[in-house]
């Protein structure tokens, strides 16, 4: 079966518009990235043979 390219484009446009509305309606929030966990141990705290 042949597909009407214009009809497909309209459906895609409608879908994208719906996604944008949903993002606005839900108050899309950007969560900040979690900062890396600082190392809390020192090389001298490792068991013997582990400090390399």
PDB file of N, CA and C in Angstrom:
ATOM      1  N   UNK A   1       0.828  -1.204   0.000  1.00  0.00           N
ATOM      2  CA  UNK A   1       0.000   0.000   0.000  1.00  0.00           C
ATOM      3  C   UNK A   1       0.863   1.256   0.000  1.00  0.00           C
ATOM      4  N   UNK A   2       0.427   2.243  -0.689  1.00  0.00           N
ATOM      5  CA  UNK A   2       1.168   3.503  -0.730  1.00  0.00           C
ATOM      6  C   UNK A   2       0.779   4.370   0.460  1.00  0.00           C
ATOM      7  N   UNK A   3       1.743   5.166   0.897  1.00  0.00           N
ATOM      8  CA  UNK A   3       1.524   6.049   2.037  1.00  0.00           C
ATOM      9  C   UNK A   3       1.597   7.484   1.555  1.00  0.00           C
ATOM     10  N   UNK A   4       0.655   8.284   1.987  1.00  0.00           N
ATOM     11  CA  UNK A   4       0.642   9.696   1.636  1.00  0.00           C
ATOM     12  C   UNK A   4       1.662  10.417   2.515  1.00  0.00           C
ATOM     13  N   UNK A   5       2.753  10.882   1.920  1.00  0.00           N
ATOM     14  CA  UNK A   5       3.833  11.518   2.676  1.00  0.00           C
ATOM     15  C   UNK A   5       3.339  12.747   3.432  1.00  0.00           C
ATOM     16  N   UNK A   6       2.448  13.515   2.819  1.00  0.00           N
ATOM     17  CA  UNK A   6       1.931  14.709   3.498  1.00  0.00           C
ATOM     18  C   UNK A   6       1.124  14.330   4.734  1.00  0.00           C
ATOM     19  N   UNK A   7       0.359  13.254   4.645  1.00  0.00           N
ATOM     20  CA  UNK A   7      -0.433  12.808   5.797  1.00  0.00           C
ATOM     21  C   UNK A   7       0.489  12.358   6.926  1.00  0.00           C
ATOM     22  N   UNK A   8       1.570  11.671   6.561  1.00  0.00           N
ATOM     23  CA  UNK A   8       2.530  11.213   7.572  1.00  0.00           C
ATOM     24  C   UNK A   8       3.183  12.415   8.242  1.00  0.00           C
ATOM     25  N   UNK A   9       3.576  13.407   7.455  1.00  0.00           N
ATOM     26  CA  UNK A   9       4.182  14.617   8.025  1.00  0.00           C
ATOM     27  C   UNK A   9       3.217  15.317   8.977  1.00  0.00           C
ATOM     28  N   UNK A  10       1.945  15.395   8.591  1.00  0.00           N
ATOM     29  CA  UNK A  10       0.951  16.037   9.467  1.00  0.00           C
ATOM     30  C   UNK A  10       0.837  15.284  10.786  1.00  0.00           C
ATOM     31  N   UNK A  11       0.819  13.955  10.716  1.00  0.00           N
ATOM     32  CA  UNK A  11       0.726  13.159  11.944  1.00  0.00           C
ATOM     33  C   UNK A  11       1.947  13.383  12.833  1.00  0.00           C
ATOM     34  N   UNK A  12       3.121  13.454  12.214  1.00  0.00           N
ATOM     35  CA  UNK A  12       4.348  13.701  12.990  1.00  0.00           C
ATOM     36  C   UNK A  12       4.292  15.084  13.627  1.00  0.00           C
ATOM     37  N   UNK A  13       3.857  16.078  12.866  1.00  0.00           N
ATOM     38  CA  UNK A  13       3.743  17.437  13.412  1.00  0.00           C
ATOM     39  C   UNK A  13       2.766  17.476  14.578  1.00  0.00           C
ATOM     40  N   UNK A  14       1.636  16.780  14.436  1.00  0.00           N
ATOM     41  CA  UNK A  14       0.650  16.743  15.521  1.00  0.00           C
ATOM     42  C   UNK A  14       1.244  16.072  16.759  1.00  0.00           C
ATOM     43  N   UNK A  15       1.989  14.995  16.544  1.00  0.00           N
ATOM     44  CA  UNK A  15       2.610  14.282  17.665  1.00  0.00           C
ATOM     45  C   UNK A  15       3.618  15.182  18.375  1.00  0.00           C
ATOM     46  N   UNK A  16       4.479  15.848  17.607  1.00  0.00           N
ATOM     47  CA  UNK A  16       5.481  16.727  18.212  1.00  0.00           C
ATOM     48  C   UNK A  16       4.821  17.868  18.982  1.00  0.00           C
ATOM     49  N   UNK A  17       3.728  18.404  18.457  1.00  0.00           N
ATOM     50  CA  UNK A  17       3.011  19.470  19.159  1.00  0.00           C
ATOM     51  C   UNK A  17       2.433  18.934  20.468  1.00  0.00           C
ATOM     52  N   UNK A  18       1.919  17.706  20.438  1.00  0.00           N
ATOM     53  CA  UNK A  18       1.369  17.104  21.658  1.00  0.00           C
ATOM     54  C   UNK A  18       2.458  16.894  22.701  1.00  0.00           C
ATOM     55  N   UNK A  19       3.639  16.494  22.260  1.00  0.00           N
ATOM     56  CA  UNK A  19       4.757  16.300  23.192  1.00  0.00           C
ATOM     57  C   UNK A  19       5.135  17.636  23.827  1.00  0.00           C
ATOM     58  N   UNK A  20       5.203  18.686  23.023  1.00  0.00           N
ATOM     59  CA  UNK A  20       5.526  20.013  23.565  1.00  0.00           C
ATOM     60  C   UNK A  20       4.485  20.460  24.584  1.00  0.00           C
ATOM     61  N   UNK A  21       3.201  20.228  24.277  1.00  0.00           N
ATOM     62  CA  UNK A  21       2.137  20.601  25.228  1.00  0.00           C
ATOM     63  C   UNK A  21       2.283  19.812  26.521  1.00  0.00           C
ATOM     64  N   UNK A  22       2.576  18.532  26.403  1.00  0.00           N
ATOM     65  CA  UNK A  22       2.728  17.691  27.598  1.00  0.00           C
ATOM     66  C   UNK A  22       3.884  18.186  28.457  1.00  0.00           C
ATOM     67  N   UNK A  23       4.975  18.580  27.826  1.00  0.00           N
ATOM     68  CA  UNK A  23       6.126  19.095  28.583  1.00  0.00           C
ATOM     69  C   UNK A  23       5.755  20.377  29.313  1.00  0.00           C
ATOM     70  N   UNK A  24       5.013  21.238  28.653  1.00  0.00           N
ATOM     71  CA  UNK A  24       4.585  22.487  29.303  1.00  0.00           C
ATOM     72  C   UNK A  24       3.611  22.191  30.438  1.00  0.00           C
ATOM     73  N   UNK A  25       2.667  21.294  30.194  1.00  0.00           N
ATOM     74  CA  UNK A  25       1.633  20.990  31.190  1.00  0.00           C
ATOM     75  C   UNK A  25       2.206  20.341  32.443  1.00  0.00           C
ATOM     76  N   UNK A  26       3.258  19.567  32.292  1.00  0.00           N
ATOM     77  CA  UNK A  26       3.837  18.877  33.447  1.00  0.00           C
ATOM     78  C   UNK A  26       4.902  19.717  34.120  1.00  0.00           C
ATOM     79  N   UNK A  27       5.179  20.897  33.584  1.00  0.00           N
ATOM     80  CA  UNK A  27       6.198  21.755  34.188  1.00  0.00           C
ATOM     81  C   UNK A  27       7.546  21.074  34.150  1.00  0.00           C
ATOM     82  N   UNK A  28       7.939  20.684  32.980  1.00  0.00           N
ATOM     83  CA  UNK A  28       9.202  19.954  32.796  1.00  0.00           C
ATOM     84  C   UNK A  28      10.322  20.603  33.598  1.00  0.00           C
ATOM     85  N   UNK A  29      10.970  19.806  34.420  1.00  0.00           N
ATOM     86  CA  UNK A  29      12.060  20.310  35.259  1.00  0.00           C
ATOM     87  C   UNK A  29      13.371  19.659  34.826  1.00  0.00           C
ATOM     88  N   UNK A  30      14.418  20.445  34.905  1.00  0.00           N
ATOM     89  CA  UNK A  30      15.746  19.903  34.633  1.00  0.00           C
ATOM     90  C   UNK A  30      16.415  19.625  35.968  1.00  0.00           C
ATOM     91  N   UNK A  31      16.750  18.372  36.194  1.00  0.00           N
ATOM     92  CA  UNK A  31      17.402  17.986  37.443  1.00  0.00           C
ATOM     93  C   UNK A  31      18.901  18.173  37.261  1.00  0.00           C
ATOM     94  N   UNK A  32      19.547  18.896  38.162  1.00  0.00           N
ATOM     95  CA  UNK A  32      20.995  19.088  38.012  1.00  0.00           C
ATOM     96  C   UNK A  32      21.735  17.762  38.150  1.00  0.00           C
ATOM     97  N   UNK A  33      22.816  17.651  37.446  1.00  0.00           N
ATOM     98  CA  UNK A  33      23.627  16.435  37.530  1.00  0.00           C
ATOM     99  C   UNK A  33      24.198  16.295  38.932  1.00  0.00           C
ATOM    100  N   UNK A  34      24.269  15.082  39.390  1.00  0.00           N
ATOM    101  CA  UNK A  34      24.827  14.817  40.715  1.00  0.00           C
ATOM    102  C   UNK A  34      26.332  15.036  40.664  1.00  0.00           C
ATOM    103  N   UNK A  35      26.871  15.834  41.579  1.00  0.00           N
ATOM    104  CA  UNK A  35      28.326  16.042  41.564  1.00  0.00           C
ATOM    105  C   UNK A  35      29.043  14.737  41.895  1.00  0.00           C
ATOM    106  N   UNK A  36      30.231  14.557  41.389  1.00  0.00           N
ATOM    107  CA  UNK A  36      30.962  13.322  41.686  1.00  0.00           C
ATOM    108  C   UNK A  36      31.251  13.209  43.178  1.00  0.00           C
ATOM    109  N   UNK A  37      31.224  11.995  43.660  1.00  0.00           N
ATOM    110  CA  UNK A  37      31.500  11.747  45.074  1.00  0.00           C
ATOM    111  C   UNK A  37      32.991  11.911  45.321  1.00  0.00           C
ATOM    112  N   UNK A  38      33.366  12.756  46.275  1.00  0.00           N
ATOM    113  CA  UNK A  38      34.799  12.933  46.544  1.00  0.00           C
ATOM    114  C   UNK A  38      35.382  11.679  47.186  1.00  0.00           C
ATOM    115  N   UNK A  39      36.632  11.443  46.899  1.00  0.00           N
ATOM    116  CA  UNK A  39      37.308  10.300  47.520  1.00  0.00           C
ATOM    117  C   UNK A  39      37.525  10.620  48.992  1.00  0.00           C
ATOM    118  N   UNK A  40      37.152   9.691  49.850  1.00  0.00           N
ATOM    119  CA  UNK A  40      37.270   9.944  51.284  1.00  0.00           C
ATOM    120  C   UNK A  40      38.384   9.127  51.917  1.00  0.00           C
ATOM    121  N   UNK A  41      39.146   8.421  51.102  1.00  0.00           N
ATOM    122  CA  UNK A  41      40.234   7.635  51.668  1.00  0.00           C
ATOM    123  C   UNK A  41      41.554   8.125  51.087  1.00  0.00           C
ATOM    124  N   UNK A  42      42.609   7.785  51.761  1.00  0.00           N
ATOM    125  CA  UNK A  42      43.939   8.160  51.308  1.00  0.00           C
ATOM    126  C   UNK A  42      44.702   6.897  50.968  1.00  0.00           C
ATOM    127  N   UNK A  43      45.706   7.070  50.143  1.00  0.00           N
ATOM    128  CA  UNK A  43      46.521   5.932  49.723  1.00  0.00           C
ATOM    129  C   UNK A  43      47.037   5.162  50.935  1.00  0.00           C
ATOM    130  N   UNK A  44      47.354   5.848  52.029  1.00  0.00           N
ATOM    131  CA  UNK A  44      47.920   5.192  53.206  1.00  0.00           C
ATOM    132  C   UNK A  44      46.893   4.358  53.966  1.00  0.00           C
ATOM    133  N   UNK A  45      45.610   4.550  53.695  1.00  0.00           N
ATOM    134  CA  UNK A  45      44.577   3.802  54.398  1.00  0.00           C
ATOM    135  C   UNK A  45      44.310   2.436  53.776  1.00  0.00           C
ATOM    136  N   UNK A  46      44.930   2.160  52.638  1.00  0.00           N
ATOM    137  CA  UNK A  46      44.688   0.888  51.966  1.00  0.00           C
ATOM    138  C   UNK A  46      45.471  -0.229  52.642  1.00  0.00           C
ATOM    139  N   UNK A  47      44.972  -1.458  52.528  1.00  0.00           N
ATOM    140  CA  UNK A  47      45.706  -2.585  53.107  1.00  0.00           C
ATOM    141  C   UNK A  47      47.076  -2.730  52.451  1.00  0.00           C
ATOM    142  N   UNK A  48      47.986  -3.362  53.143  1.00  0.00           N
ATOM    143  CA  UNK A  48      49.336  -3.542  52.620  1.00  0.00           C
ATOM    144  C   UNK A  48      49.269  -4.283  51.296  1.00  0.00           C
ATOM    145  N   UNK A  49      50.009  -3.808  50.323  1.00  0.00           N
ATOM    146  CA  UNK A  49      50.035  -4.428  49.005  1.00  0.00           C
ATOM    147  C   UNK A  49      49.010  -3.825  48.054  1.00  0.00           C
ATOM    148  N   UNK A  50      48.062  -3.063  48.575  1.00  0.00           N
ATOM    149  CA  UNK A  50      47.024  -2.486  47.724  1.00  0.00           C
ATOM    150  C   UNK A  50      47.408  -1.112  47.201  1.00  0.00           C
ATOM    151  N   UNK A  51      48.412  -0.503  47.822  1.00  0.00           N
ATOM    152  CA  UNK A  51      48.777   0.833  47.377  1.00  0.00           C
ATOM    153  C   UNK A  51      49.731   0.759  46.199  1.00  0.00           C
ATOM    154  N   UNK A  52      49.159   0.928  45.004  1.00  0.00           N
ATOM    155  CA  UNK A  52      49.976   0.857  43.792  1.00  0.00           C
ATOM    156  C   UNK A  52      49.705   2.027  42.898  1.00  0.00           C
TER     157      UNK A  52
END
